[in-house]
Amino acid sequence: MDLKQHLEHPFYKEAHEYREAVRREQIEKGCHKYPKPFTPSDWSNSDLAKHAMQENVDQAVYISGMLERMEEQQDFINRLYIGFVNVTDEHKQYVGDHQVDKVVRETIRPTDLRLISKNK
């Protein structure tokens, strides 16, 4: 294992930069919400545990929401792919704009439009 290679990998660097940006936003938000920086001794053990559990519950909700959206998006991609494969199988010589438009109209559901508009 080459630790340096892992530490310098672009994905990990981008993830760290994103996390750091969100951390700064959270500290700024806390600055407006609380009179002084977080100090564990200012909280009781049960308050710390309860607040952490509340954050954990919120995290589970967001993760579930992300999974639902990703599954919807993957289903949409799969249906588009199958539609295009069907067109190309039927018209191997050339797939013109009118065939593509037909596939899109037949493949996209009304509920897919919110996926398209929210992901721009």
N, C-alpha and C. Protein backbone atom coordinates (compact mmCIF):
# COMPACT_ATOMS: atom_id res chain seq x y z
N MET A 1 0.85 -1.19 0.00
CA MET A 1 0.00 0.00 0.00
C MET A 1 0.89 1.25 0.00
N ASP A 2 0.57 2.19 -0.83
CA ASP A 2 1.30 3.44 -0.92
C ASP A 2 0.42 4.55 -0.35
N LEU A 3 0.65 4.89 0.92
CA LEU A 3 -0.18 5.89 1.59
C LEU A 3 -0.12 7.24 0.89
N LYS A 4 1.05 7.64 0.45
CA LYS A 4 1.20 8.92 -0.23
C LYS A 4 0.33 8.99 -1.48
N GLN A 5 0.31 7.89 -2.24
CA GLN A 5 -0.51 7.83 -3.45
C GLN A 5 -1.99 8.01 -3.10
N HIS A 6 -2.42 7.38 -2.03
CA HIS A 6 -3.82 7.52 -1.60
C HIS A 6 -4.11 8.94 -1.13
N LEU A 7 -3.21 9.50 -0.32
CA LEU A 7 -3.42 10.83 0.22
C LEU A 7 -3.45 11.89 -0.87
N GLU A 8 -2.69 11.67 -1.93
CA GLU A 8 -2.61 12.65 -3.01
C GLU A 8 -3.58 12.37 -4.17
N HIS A 9 -4.40 11.35 -4.02
CA HIS A 9 -5.35 11.01 -5.07
C HIS A 9 -6.35 12.16 -5.25
N PRO A 10 -6.62 12.57 -6.49
CA PRO A 10 -7.53 13.71 -6.74
C PRO A 10 -8.90 13.57 -6.09
N PHE A 11 -9.46 12.36 -6.09
CA PHE A 11 -10.78 12.17 -5.49
C PHE A 11 -10.75 12.52 -4.00
N TYR A 12 -9.75 12.02 -3.29
CA TYR A 12 -9.66 12.29 -1.85
C TYR A 12 -9.40 13.77 -1.59
N LYS A 13 -8.60 14.39 -2.43
CA LYS A 13 -8.34 15.82 -2.27
C LYS A 13 -9.64 16.62 -2.47
N GLU A 14 -10.40 16.28 -3.50
CA GLU A 14 -11.66 16.99 -3.76
C GLU A 14 -12.66 16.75 -2.62
N ALA A 15 -12.72 15.52 -2.14
CA ALA A 15 -13.63 15.21 -1.02
C ALA A 15 -13.23 16.02 0.22
N HIS A 16 -11.94 16.12 0.47
CA HIS A 16 -11.46 16.89 1.62
C HIS A 16 -11.80 18.37 1.46
N GLU A 17 -11.59 18.91 0.27
CA GLU A 17 -11.89 20.32 0.02
C GLU A 17 -13.38 20.60 0.19
N TYR A 18 -14.20 19.68 -0.29
CA TYR A 18 -15.65 19.85 -0.14
C TYR A 18 -16.04 19.80 1.33
N ARG A 19 -15.49 18.81 2.05
CA ARG A 19 -15.78 18.69 3.48
C ARG A 19 -15.35 19.94 4.22
N GLU A 20 -14.19 20.48 3.89
CA GLU A 20 -13.68 21.67 4.55
C GLU A 20 -14.59 22.87 4.27
N ALA A 21 -15.08 22.99 3.06
CA ALA A 21 -15.99 24.10 2.72
C ALA A 21 -17.29 23.99 3.53
N VAL A 22 -17.82 22.78 3.64
CA VAL A 22 -19.05 22.58 4.41
C VAL A 22 -18.78 22.82 5.90
N ARG A 23 -17.62 22.38 6.40
CA ARG A 23 -17.26 22.60 7.80
C ARG A 23 -17.24 24.10 8.11
N ARG A 24 -16.65 24.87 7.22
CA ARG A 24 -16.60 26.33 7.41
C ARG A 24 -18.01 26.92 7.41
N GLU A 25 -18.87 26.45 6.51
CA GLU A 25 -20.25 26.93 6.47
C GLU A 25 -20.97 26.61 7.78
N GLN A 26 -20.73 25.41 8.30
CA GLN A 26 -21.37 25.01 9.55
C GLN A 26 -20.90 25.88 10.73
N ILE A 27 -19.61 26.16 10.75
CA ILE A 27 -19.08 27.01 11.81
C ILE A 27 -19.67 28.41 11.70
N GLU A 28 -19.78 28.91 10.48
CA GLU A 28 -20.38 30.23 10.28
C GLU A 28 -21.84 30.23 10.72
N LYS A 29 -22.56 29.18 10.37
CA LYS A 29 -23.96 29.06 10.78
C LYS A 29 -24.06 29.02 12.31
N GLY A 30 -23.16 28.25 12.94
CA GLY A 30 -23.16 28.15 14.40
C GLY A 30 -22.81 29.47 15.06
N CYS A 31 -21.97 30.26 14.40
CA CYS A 31 -21.58 31.57 14.91
C CYS A 31 -22.80 32.48 15.05
N HIS A 32 -23.74 32.34 14.11
CA HIS A 32 -24.95 33.16 14.15
C HIS A 32 -25.99 32.60 15.12
N LYS A 33 -25.92 31.29 15.35
CA LYS A 33 -26.92 30.62 16.17
C LYS A 33 -26.55 30.61 17.65
N TYR A 34 -25.26 30.47 17.96
CA TYR A 34 -24.81 30.33 19.35
C TYR A 34 -23.90 31.50 19.72
N PRO A 35 -23.94 31.92 20.99
CA PRO A 35 -23.16 33.08 21.39
C PRO A 35 -21.64 32.84 21.43
N LYS A 36 -21.20 31.60 21.59
CA LYS A 36 -19.76 31.33 21.61
C LYS A 36 -19.49 29.98 20.96
N PRO A 37 -18.24 29.70 20.61
CA PRO A 37 -17.90 28.43 19.94
C PRO A 37 -18.26 27.22 20.81
N PHE A 38 -18.42 26.10 20.17
CA PHE A 38 -18.75 24.85 20.86
C PHE A 38 -17.68 24.51 21.89
N THR A 39 -18.14 24.26 23.09
CA THR A 39 -17.27 23.81 24.18
C THR A 39 -17.97 22.64 24.84
N PRO A 40 -17.40 21.43 24.76
CA PRO A 40 -18.08 20.27 25.32
C PRO A 40 -18.48 20.42 26.78
N SER A 41 -17.68 21.12 27.57
CA SER A 41 -17.99 21.26 28.99
C SER A 41 -19.23 22.12 29.25
N ASP A 42 -19.68 22.85 28.23
CA ASP A 42 -20.91 23.64 28.37
C ASP A 42 -22.17 22.80 28.21
N TRP A 43 -22.00 21.58 27.79
CA TRP A 43 -23.13 20.69 27.54
C TRP A 43 -23.10 19.54 28.54
N SER A 44 -24.27 19.04 28.88
CA SER A 44 -24.31 17.83 29.71
C SER A 44 -24.06 16.63 28.80
N ASN A 45 -23.71 15.52 29.41
CA ASN A 45 -23.50 14.30 28.62
C ASN A 45 -24.75 13.93 27.84
N SER A 46 -25.91 14.03 28.49
CA SER A 46 -27.15 13.65 27.80
C SER A 46 -27.48 14.63 26.68
N ASP A 47 -27.18 15.93 26.87
CA ASP A 47 -27.42 16.90 25.79
C ASP A 47 -26.51 16.62 24.59
N LEU A 48 -25.24 16.31 24.85
CA LEU A 48 -24.32 15.96 23.76
C LEU A 48 -24.81 14.73 23.01
N ALA A 49 -25.20 13.70 23.77
CA ALA A 49 -25.66 12.46 23.14
C ALA A 49 -26.94 12.70 22.35
N LYS A 50 -27.87 13.48 22.93
CA LYS A 50 -29.13 13.74 22.23
C LYS A 50 -28.89 14.54 20.95
N HIS A 51 -28.06 15.57 21.03
CA HIS A 51 -27.78 16.38 19.84
C HIS A 51 -27.10 15.54 18.76
N ALA A 52 -26.15 14.70 19.17
CA ALA A 52 -25.48 13.83 18.20
C ALA A 52 -26.50 12.87 17.56
N MET A 53 -27.42 12.33 18.35
CA MET A 53 -28.42 11.41 17.81
C MET A 53 -29.35 12.14 16.85
N GLN A 54 -29.72 13.37 17.17
CA GLN A 54 -30.56 14.16 16.27
C GLN A 54 -29.86 14.37 14.93
N GLU A 55 -28.56 14.70 14.99
CA GLU A 55 -27.80 14.87 13.76
C GLU A 55 -27.73 13.56 12.99
N ASN A 56 -27.59 12.44 13.70
CA ASN A 56 -27.52 11.12 13.08
C ASN A 56 -28.84 10.79 12.38
N VAL A 57 -29.96 11.12 13.01
CA VAL A 57 -31.27 10.88 12.40
C VAL A 57 -31.41 11.72 11.14
N ASP A 58 -31.02 12.99 11.21
CA ASP A 58 -31.07 13.85 10.01
C ASP A 58 -30.20 13.26 8.90
N GLN A 59 -29.03 12.78 9.27
CA GLN A 59 -28.12 12.19 8.27
C GLN A 59 -28.78 10.99 7.59
N ALA A 60 -29.44 10.15 8.36
CA ALA A 60 -30.11 8.98 7.78
C ALA A 60 -31.21 9.40 6.81
N VAL A 61 -31.93 10.46 7.14
CA VAL A 61 -32.98 10.96 6.25
C VAL A 61 -32.37 11.44 4.93
N TYR A 62 -31.30 12.21 5.01
CA TYR A 62 -30.65 12.73 3.81
C TYR A 62 -30.06 11.60 2.96
N ILE A 63 -29.45 10.62 3.61
CA ILE A 63 -28.88 9.48 2.87
C ILE A 63 -29.99 8.71 2.17
N SER A 64 -31.10 8.50 2.85
CA SER A 64 -32.23 7.79 2.23
C SER A 64 -32.77 8.59 1.05
N GLY A 65 -32.85 9.90 1.20
CA GLY A 65 -33.31 10.75 0.10
C GLY A 65 -32.36 10.69 -1.09
N MET A 66 -31.05 10.71 -0.81
CA MET A 66 -30.07 10.61 -1.90
C MET A 66 -30.22 9.27 -2.62
N LEU A 67 -30.37 8.20 -1.86
CA LEU A 67 -30.51 6.88 -2.48
C LEU A 67 -31.76 6.83 -3.35
N GLU A 68 -32.86 7.37 -2.86
CA GLU A 68 -34.10 7.39 -3.65
C GLU A 68 -33.89 8.14 -4.96
N ARG A 69 -33.28 9.32 -4.89
CA ARG A 69 -33.04 10.10 -6.12
C ARG A 69 -32.09 9.37 -7.07
N MET A 70 -31.05 8.77 -6.53
CA MET A 70 -30.10 8.05 -7.39
C MET A 70 -30.77 6.87 -8.07
N GLU A 71 -31.65 6.16 -7.34
CA GLU A 71 -32.36 5.04 -7.95
C GLU A 71 -33.30 5.53 -9.04
N GLU A 72 -34.00 6.65 -8.80
CA GLU A 72 -34.87 7.22 -9.83
C GLU A 72 -34.06 7.63 -11.06
N GLN A 73 -32.93 8.26 -10.83
CA GLN A 73 -32.08 8.69 -11.94
C GLN A 73 -31.53 7.50 -12.71
N GLN A 74 -31.12 6.44 -11.99
CA GLN A 74 -30.60 5.26 -12.68
C GLN A 74 -31.69 4.58 -13.49
N ASP A 75 -32.90 4.53 -12.95
CA ASP A 75 -34.03 3.96 -13.69
C ASP A 75 -34.28 4.76 -14.97
N PHE A 76 -34.22 6.07 -14.86
CA PHE A 76 -34.40 6.96 -16.02
C PHE A 76 -33.31 6.70 -17.06
N ILE A 77 -32.07 6.63 -16.63
CA ILE A 77 -30.95 6.35 -17.53
C ILE A 77 -31.14 4.99 -18.20
N ASN A 78 -31.53 3.99 -17.42
CA ASN A 78 -31.73 2.65 -17.99
C ASN A 78 -32.83 2.64 -19.04
N ARG A 79 -33.93 3.34 -18.77
CA ARG A 79 -35.01 3.39 -19.76
C ARG A 79 -34.57 4.12 -21.02
N LEU A 80 -33.83 5.21 -20.86
CA LEU A 80 -33.31 5.91 -22.04
C LEU A 80 -32.38 5.00 -22.84
N TYR A 81 -31.51 4.31 -22.15
CA TYR A 81 -30.56 3.42 -22.82
C TYR A 81 -31.30 2.33 -23.59
N ILE A 82 -32.27 1.70 -22.95
CA ILE A 82 -33.04 0.65 -23.62
C ILE A 82 -33.78 1.22 -24.83
N GLY A 83 -34.35 2.41 -24.69
CA GLY A 83 -35.03 3.05 -25.81
C GLY A 83 -34.10 3.31 -26.97
N PHE A 84 -32.91 3.80 -26.70
CA PHE A 84 -31.95 4.08 -27.77
C PHE A 84 -31.42 2.79 -28.39
N VAL A 85 -31.22 1.77 -27.58
CA VAL A 85 -30.78 0.49 -28.13
C VAL A 85 -31.85 -0.06 -29.06
N ASN A 86 -33.11 0.05 -28.67
CA ASN A 86 -34.20 -0.43 -29.52
C ASN A 86 -34.23 0.33 -30.84
N VAL A 87 -34.02 1.64 -30.79
CA VAL A 87 -34.02 2.43 -32.03
C VAL A 87 -32.86 2.00 -32.92
N THR A 88 -31.68 1.86 -32.32
CA THR A 88 -30.52 1.53 -33.14
C THR A 88 -30.62 0.11 -33.67
N ASP A 89 -31.26 -0.80 -32.93
CA ASP A 89 -31.46 -2.15 -33.44
C ASP A 89 -32.41 -2.15 -34.64
N GLU A 90 -33.44 -1.30 -34.57
CA GLU A 90 -34.42 -1.24 -35.65
C GLU A 90 -33.89 -0.46 -36.85
N HIS A 91 -33.03 0.49 -36.62
CA HIS A 91 -32.54 1.37 -37.68
C HIS A 91 -31.02 1.46 -37.62
N LYS A 92 -30.38 0.35 -37.81
CA LYS A 92 -28.93 0.29 -37.65
C LYS A 92 -28.18 1.23 -38.58
N GLN A 93 -28.74 1.49 -39.75
CA GLN A 93 -28.01 2.31 -40.71
C GLN A 93 -27.89 3.76 -40.27
N TYR A 94 -28.94 4.31 -39.63
CA TYR A 94 -28.89 5.71 -39.24
C TYR A 94 -29.99 6.00 -38.24
N VAL A 95 -29.64 6.70 -37.19
CA VAL A 95 -30.64 7.13 -36.21
C VAL A 95 -30.76 8.64 -36.35
N GLY A 96 -31.83 9.07 -36.99
CA GLY A 96 -32.04 10.51 -37.22
C GLY A 96 -32.70 11.17 -36.04
N ASP A 97 -32.76 12.50 -36.12
CA ASP A 97 -33.34 13.28 -35.03
C ASP A 97 -34.78 12.89 -34.74
N HIS A 98 -35.54 12.58 -35.80
CA HIS A 98 -36.95 12.24 -35.56
C HIS A 98 -37.08 10.93 -34.78
N GLN A 99 -36.17 9.96 -35.01
CA GLN A 99 -36.22 8.73 -34.23
C GLN A 99 -35.82 8.99 -32.78
N VAL A 100 -34.83 9.84 -32.59
CA VAL A 100 -34.40 10.17 -31.23
C VAL A 100 -35.53 10.88 -30.49
N ASP A 101 -36.18 11.84 -31.15
CA ASP A 101 -37.30 12.53 -30.53
C ASP A 101 -38.41 11.56 -30.16
N LYS A 102 -38.68 10.60 -31.03
CA LYS A 102 -39.72 9.60 -30.78
C LYS A 102 -39.36 8.77 -29.54
N VAL A 103 -38.11 8.34 -29.46
CA VAL A 103 -37.68 7.54 -28.31
C VAL A 103 -37.80 8.35 -27.03
N VAL A 104 -37.37 9.60 -27.09
CA VAL A 104 -37.44 10.43 -25.89
C VAL A 104 -38.88 10.59 -25.45
N ARG A 105 -39.79 10.88 -26.40
CA ARG A 105 -41.20 11.04 -26.04
C ARG A 105 -41.78 9.75 -25.46
N GLU A 106 -41.39 8.62 -26.00
CA GLU A 106 -41.93 7.34 -25.53
C GLU A 106 -41.27 6.88 -24.23
N THR A 107 -40.09 7.37 -23.95
CA THR A 107 -39.33 6.89 -22.80
C THR A 107 -39.49 7.75 -21.56
N ILE A 108 -39.58 9.05 -21.74
CA ILE A 108 -39.64 9.95 -20.58
C ILE A 108 -41.05 9.97 -20.01
N ARG A 109 -41.12 9.74 -18.71
CA ARG A 109 -42.38 9.84 -17.98
C ARG A 109 -42.54 11.27 -17.47
N PRO A 110 -43.76 11.70 -17.17
CA PRO A 110 -43.94 13.04 -16.60
C PRO A 110 -43.12 13.25 -15.33
N THR A 111 -42.98 12.21 -14.51
CA THR A 111 -42.21 12.36 -13.27
C THR A 111 -40.72 12.53 -13.53
N ASP A 112 -40.24 12.14 -14.73
CA ASP A 112 -38.83 12.31 -15.05
C ASP A 112 -38.46 13.77 -15.26
N LEU A 113 -39.44 14.58 -15.61
CA LEU A 113 -39.15 15.98 -15.90
C LEU A 113 -38.58 16.69 -14.68
N ARG A 114 -39.03 16.31 -13.49
CA ARG A 114 -38.46 16.95 -12.29
C ARG A 114 -37.03 16.50 -12.08
N LEU A 115 -36.67 15.28 -12.48
CA LEU A 115 -35.28 14.84 -12.38
C LEU A 115 -34.39 15.66 -13.30
N ILE A 116 -34.89 15.90 -14.51
CA ILE A 116 -34.12 16.64 -15.49
C ILE A 116 -33.93 18.08 -15.04
N SER A 117 -35.00 18.73 -14.57
CA SER A 117 -34.92 20.14 -14.21
C SER A 117 -34.13 20.36 -12.92
N LYS A 118 -34.14 19.43 -11.97
CA LYS A 118 -33.43 19.61 -10.70
C LYS A 118 -31.95 19.30 -10.81
N ASN A 119 -31.54 18.66 -11.86
CA ASN A 119 -30.14 18.23 -11.97
C ASN A 119 -29.34 19.04 -12.96
N LYS A 120 -29.79 20.22 -13.31
CA LYS A 120 -29.05 21.06 -14.25
C LYS A 120 -27.94 21.79 -13.54
